[in-house]
N, C-alpha and C. Protein backbone atom coordinates (compact mmCIF):
# COMPACT_ATOMS: atom_id res chain seq x y z
N MET A 1 -31.58 -90.72 -55.23
CA MET A 1 -32.19 -89.50 -55.70
C MET A 1 -32.18 -89.57 -57.23
N THR A 2 -33.19 -88.96 -57.84
CA THR A 2 -33.25 -88.96 -59.30
C THR A 2 -32.73 -87.62 -59.85
N GLU A 3 -32.48 -87.60 -61.14
CA GLU A 3 -32.05 -86.36 -61.78
C GLU A 3 -33.17 -85.32 -61.68
N LYS A 4 -34.39 -85.75 -61.83
CA LYS A 4 -35.55 -84.84 -61.71
C LYS A 4 -35.58 -84.20 -60.32
N GLU A 5 -35.33 -84.98 -59.28
CA GLU A 5 -35.33 -84.44 -57.92
C GLU A 5 -34.22 -83.40 -57.73
N ILE A 6 -33.07 -83.64 -58.34
CA ILE A 6 -31.97 -82.67 -58.25
C ILE A 6 -32.39 -81.35 -58.86
N THR A 7 -33.07 -81.40 -59.99
CA THR A 7 -33.52 -80.14 -60.62
C THR A 7 -34.61 -79.47 -59.77
N LEU A 8 -35.47 -80.27 -59.13
CA LEU A 8 -36.51 -79.70 -58.25
C LEU A 8 -35.89 -78.96 -57.06
N LEU A 9 -34.71 -79.38 -56.64
CA LEU A 9 -34.01 -78.71 -55.53
C LEU A 9 -33.38 -77.39 -55.95
N GLY A 10 -33.38 -77.10 -57.25
CA GLY A 10 -32.82 -75.84 -57.73
C GLY A 10 -31.39 -75.93 -58.22
N PHE A 11 -30.87 -77.13 -58.37
CA PHE A 11 -29.52 -77.29 -58.90
C PHE A 11 -29.50 -76.86 -60.37
N GLU A 12 -28.37 -76.30 -60.79
CA GLU A 12 -28.21 -75.85 -62.17
C GLU A 12 -27.36 -76.85 -62.94
N ARG A 13 -27.82 -77.17 -64.14
CA ARG A 13 -27.12 -78.13 -64.99
C ARG A 13 -25.87 -77.49 -65.60
N GLN A 14 -24.78 -78.23 -65.54
CA GLN A 14 -23.49 -77.79 -66.11
C GLN A 14 -23.12 -78.79 -67.20
N GLU A 15 -22.85 -78.30 -68.38
CA GLU A 15 -22.52 -79.16 -69.52
C GLU A 15 -21.01 -79.21 -69.74
N VAL A 16 -20.52 -80.37 -70.01
CA VAL A 16 -19.13 -80.53 -70.45
C VAL A 16 -19.24 -81.08 -71.87
N THR A 17 -18.79 -80.27 -72.82
CA THR A 17 -18.97 -80.60 -74.23
C THR A 17 -17.85 -81.49 -74.76
N LYS A 18 -18.06 -81.96 -75.96
CA LYS A 18 -17.06 -82.79 -76.62
C LYS A 18 -15.75 -82.01 -76.82
N ASP A 19 -15.85 -80.68 -76.96
CA ASP A 19 -14.65 -79.85 -77.10
C ASP A 19 -13.82 -79.84 -75.82
N GLN A 20 -14.48 -80.03 -74.67
CA GLN A 20 -13.79 -79.98 -73.39
C GLN A 20 -13.36 -81.35 -72.89
N HIS A 21 -14.01 -82.39 -73.38
CA HIS A 21 -13.77 -83.74 -72.89
C HIS A 21 -14.07 -84.69 -74.04
N TRP A 22 -13.43 -85.81 -74.08
CA TRP A 22 -13.63 -86.73 -75.21
C TRP A 22 -15.05 -87.25 -75.32
N GLU A 23 -15.76 -87.31 -74.20
CA GLU A 23 -17.16 -87.75 -74.19
C GLU A 23 -17.98 -86.73 -73.40
N PRO A 24 -18.98 -86.11 -74.03
CA PRO A 24 -19.77 -85.10 -73.29
C PRO A 24 -20.55 -85.72 -72.11
N TYR A 25 -20.72 -84.92 -71.08
CA TYR A 25 -21.50 -85.33 -69.91
C TYR A 25 -22.02 -84.08 -69.23
N HIS A 26 -22.81 -84.25 -68.19
CA HIS A 26 -23.30 -83.12 -67.42
C HIS A 26 -23.35 -83.48 -65.94
N TYR A 27 -23.44 -82.44 -65.14
CA TYR A 27 -23.57 -82.58 -63.70
C TYR A 27 -24.34 -81.36 -63.21
N TYR A 28 -24.63 -81.30 -61.93
CA TYR A 28 -25.42 -80.21 -61.38
C TYR A 28 -24.69 -79.55 -60.21
N THR A 29 -24.93 -78.24 -60.05
CA THR A 29 -24.35 -77.51 -58.93
C THR A 29 -25.41 -76.67 -58.25
N TYR A 30 -25.18 -76.42 -56.97
CA TYR A 30 -26.04 -75.54 -56.19
C TYR A 30 -25.14 -74.73 -55.28
N CYS A 31 -25.18 -73.41 -55.43
CA CYS A 31 -24.34 -72.53 -54.61
C CYS A 31 -25.19 -71.92 -53.50
N VAL A 32 -24.86 -72.26 -52.27
CA VAL A 32 -25.52 -71.66 -51.12
C VAL A 32 -24.94 -70.26 -50.91
N THR A 33 -23.62 -70.19 -50.90
CA THR A 33 -22.88 -68.94 -50.78
C THR A 33 -21.46 -69.24 -51.25
N LYS A 34 -20.71 -68.22 -51.57
CA LYS A 34 -19.34 -68.44 -52.03
C LYS A 34 -18.59 -69.28 -50.99
N GLY A 35 -18.04 -70.40 -51.44
CA GLY A 35 -17.31 -71.29 -50.54
C GLY A 35 -18.14 -72.44 -50.00
N LEU A 36 -19.46 -72.41 -50.23
CA LEU A 36 -20.32 -73.50 -49.79
C LEU A 36 -21.25 -73.89 -50.94
N GLU A 37 -20.81 -74.91 -51.65
CA GLU A 37 -21.55 -75.35 -52.83
C GLU A 37 -21.73 -76.86 -52.80
N PHE A 38 -22.78 -77.30 -53.49
CA PHE A 38 -23.02 -78.72 -53.69
C PHE A 38 -22.75 -79.04 -55.15
N ILE A 39 -22.31 -80.25 -55.40
CA ILE A 39 -22.09 -80.73 -56.76
C ILE A 39 -22.62 -82.16 -56.84
N SER A 40 -23.19 -82.50 -57.98
CA SER A 40 -23.71 -83.86 -58.14
C SER A 40 -22.66 -84.75 -58.77
N VAL A 41 -22.95 -86.03 -58.73
CA VAL A 41 -22.17 -86.98 -59.50
C VAL A 41 -22.36 -86.62 -60.98
N ALA A 42 -21.36 -86.87 -61.81
CA ALA A 42 -21.48 -86.61 -63.24
C ALA A 42 -22.38 -87.66 -63.88
N SER A 43 -23.06 -87.27 -64.94
CA SER A 43 -24.01 -88.17 -65.60
C SER A 43 -23.36 -89.48 -66.03
N ASP A 44 -22.09 -89.45 -66.36
CA ASP A 44 -21.42 -90.68 -66.78
C ASP A 44 -20.99 -91.54 -65.58
N GLY A 45 -21.24 -91.07 -64.37
CA GLY A 45 -20.92 -91.84 -63.17
C GLY A 45 -22.15 -92.33 -62.41
N VAL A 46 -23.34 -92.06 -62.96
CA VAL A 46 -24.58 -92.47 -62.31
C VAL A 46 -24.75 -93.97 -62.47
N LYS A 47 -25.11 -94.63 -61.38
CA LYS A 47 -25.34 -96.08 -61.41
C LYS A 47 -26.81 -96.37 -61.12
N ASP A 48 -27.42 -97.16 -61.96
CA ASP A 48 -28.83 -97.56 -61.80
C ASP A 48 -29.77 -96.37 -61.69
N GLY A 49 -29.43 -95.27 -62.35
CA GLY A 49 -30.29 -94.09 -62.33
C GLY A 49 -30.31 -93.33 -61.02
N LYS A 50 -29.42 -93.69 -60.09
CA LYS A 50 -29.39 -93.05 -58.78
C LYS A 50 -28.28 -92.01 -58.71
N TRP A 51 -28.70 -90.79 -58.48
CA TRP A 51 -27.78 -89.67 -58.37
C TRP A 51 -27.50 -89.38 -56.90
N TYR A 52 -26.40 -88.69 -56.64
CA TYR A 52 -26.14 -88.17 -55.30
C TYR A 52 -25.50 -86.80 -55.45
N VAL A 53 -25.51 -86.04 -54.38
CA VAL A 53 -24.83 -84.75 -54.35
C VAL A 53 -23.86 -84.77 -53.18
N GLU A 54 -22.86 -83.92 -53.27
CA GLU A 54 -21.90 -83.81 -52.18
C GLU A 54 -21.49 -82.36 -52.02
N ILE A 55 -20.96 -82.06 -50.85
CA ILE A 55 -20.43 -80.73 -50.62
C ILE A 55 -19.15 -80.62 -51.43
N PHE A 56 -19.06 -79.55 -52.20
CA PHE A 56 -17.95 -79.38 -53.14
C PHE A 56 -16.64 -79.06 -52.43
N ASN A 57 -15.60 -79.68 -52.93
CA ASN A 57 -14.22 -79.35 -52.57
C ASN A 57 -13.91 -79.60 -51.09
N THR A 58 -14.27 -80.78 -50.62
CA THR A 58 -13.90 -81.17 -49.26
C THR A 58 -12.81 -82.23 -49.32
N GLU A 59 -12.04 -82.32 -48.27
CA GLU A 59 -10.96 -83.30 -48.25
C GLU A 59 -11.50 -84.72 -48.36
N GLU A 60 -12.54 -85.01 -47.61
CA GLU A 60 -13.22 -86.30 -47.70
C GLU A 60 -14.63 -86.04 -48.20
N PRO A 61 -15.16 -86.88 -49.08
CA PRO A 61 -16.51 -86.65 -49.59
C PRO A 61 -17.57 -86.65 -48.50
N VAL A 62 -18.47 -85.69 -48.59
CA VAL A 62 -19.64 -85.62 -47.72
C VAL A 62 -20.84 -85.73 -48.66
N ARG A 63 -21.38 -86.95 -48.78
CA ARG A 63 -22.39 -87.24 -49.80
C ARG A 63 -23.77 -87.42 -49.20
N PHE A 64 -24.75 -87.07 -50.03
CA PHE A 64 -26.15 -87.21 -49.67
C PHE A 64 -26.87 -87.91 -50.83
N TYR A 65 -27.68 -88.90 -50.47
CA TYR A 65 -28.38 -89.71 -51.47
C TYR A 65 -29.89 -89.52 -51.42
N ASP A 66 -30.39 -88.91 -50.36
CA ASP A 66 -31.82 -88.82 -50.14
C ASP A 66 -32.35 -87.41 -50.43
N PHE A 67 -33.37 -87.31 -51.28
CA PHE A 67 -33.97 -86.04 -51.66
C PHE A 67 -34.40 -85.23 -50.43
N GLY A 68 -35.14 -85.85 -49.52
CA GLY A 68 -35.65 -85.15 -48.35
C GLY A 68 -34.55 -84.58 -47.48
N GLU A 69 -33.49 -85.32 -47.30
CA GLU A 69 -32.36 -84.84 -46.49
C GLU A 69 -31.70 -83.63 -47.14
N VAL A 70 -31.50 -83.69 -48.45
CA VAL A 70 -30.86 -82.58 -49.16
C VAL A 70 -31.77 -81.36 -49.14
N GLN A 71 -33.06 -81.57 -49.34
CA GLN A 71 -34.02 -80.47 -49.32
C GLN A 71 -34.01 -79.78 -47.96
N ALA A 72 -34.05 -80.56 -46.88
CA ALA A 72 -34.03 -79.99 -45.53
C ALA A 72 -32.73 -79.24 -45.27
N LEU A 73 -31.61 -79.80 -45.70
CA LEU A 73 -30.31 -79.16 -45.49
C LEU A 73 -30.22 -77.84 -46.25
N ILE A 74 -30.61 -77.83 -47.51
CA ILE A 74 -30.56 -76.60 -48.31
C ILE A 74 -31.50 -75.55 -47.70
N ASN A 75 -32.70 -75.96 -47.32
CA ASN A 75 -33.64 -75.01 -46.71
C ASN A 75 -33.05 -74.39 -45.46
N ARG A 76 -32.42 -75.20 -44.62
CA ARG A 76 -31.83 -74.68 -43.38
C ARG A 76 -30.66 -73.74 -43.66
N LEU A 77 -29.82 -74.12 -44.61
CA LEU A 77 -28.67 -73.27 -44.96
C LEU A 77 -29.12 -71.94 -45.55
N GLU A 78 -30.11 -72.00 -46.44
CA GLU A 78 -30.62 -70.77 -47.04
C GLU A 78 -31.25 -69.87 -45.98
N LYS A 79 -31.98 -70.45 -45.03
CA LYS A 79 -32.59 -69.67 -43.96
C LYS A 79 -31.50 -69.04 -43.10
N ALA A 80 -30.46 -69.80 -42.78
CA ALA A 80 -29.37 -69.29 -41.94
C ALA A 80 -28.63 -68.12 -42.59
N LYS A 81 -28.58 -68.09 -43.91
CA LYS A 81 -27.92 -66.97 -44.61
C LYS A 81 -28.60 -65.64 -44.30
N HIS A 82 -29.88 -65.70 -44.07
CA HIS A 82 -30.65 -64.47 -43.93
C HIS A 82 -31.01 -64.12 -42.48
N GLU A 83 -30.62 -64.99 -41.55
CA GLU A 83 -30.91 -64.73 -40.14
C GLU A 83 -29.94 -63.70 -39.57
N LYS A 84 -30.46 -62.85 -38.74
CA LYS A 84 -29.62 -61.84 -38.07
C LYS A 84 -29.55 -62.21 -36.59
N GLU A 85 -28.46 -61.86 -35.98
CA GLU A 85 -28.32 -62.14 -34.54
C GLU A 85 -29.24 -61.27 -33.73
């Protein structure tokens, strides 16, 4: 996945400045609902321009590398938030 695709999915850029870390970097987050968020790899951890996102704060990483898969998952989760029984 590219950085551009992550932004197309609606992820928000988070900056870590030189004041907070010896070398500035950025990453992206997407909050579906409190307790269910996605986070991207940090810009300083990207290899060959390929980004990935994972479900935030899990015991074992649950990672996604494909734009279409992440788009479908986010769409389904967002739809489920608004469905009534």
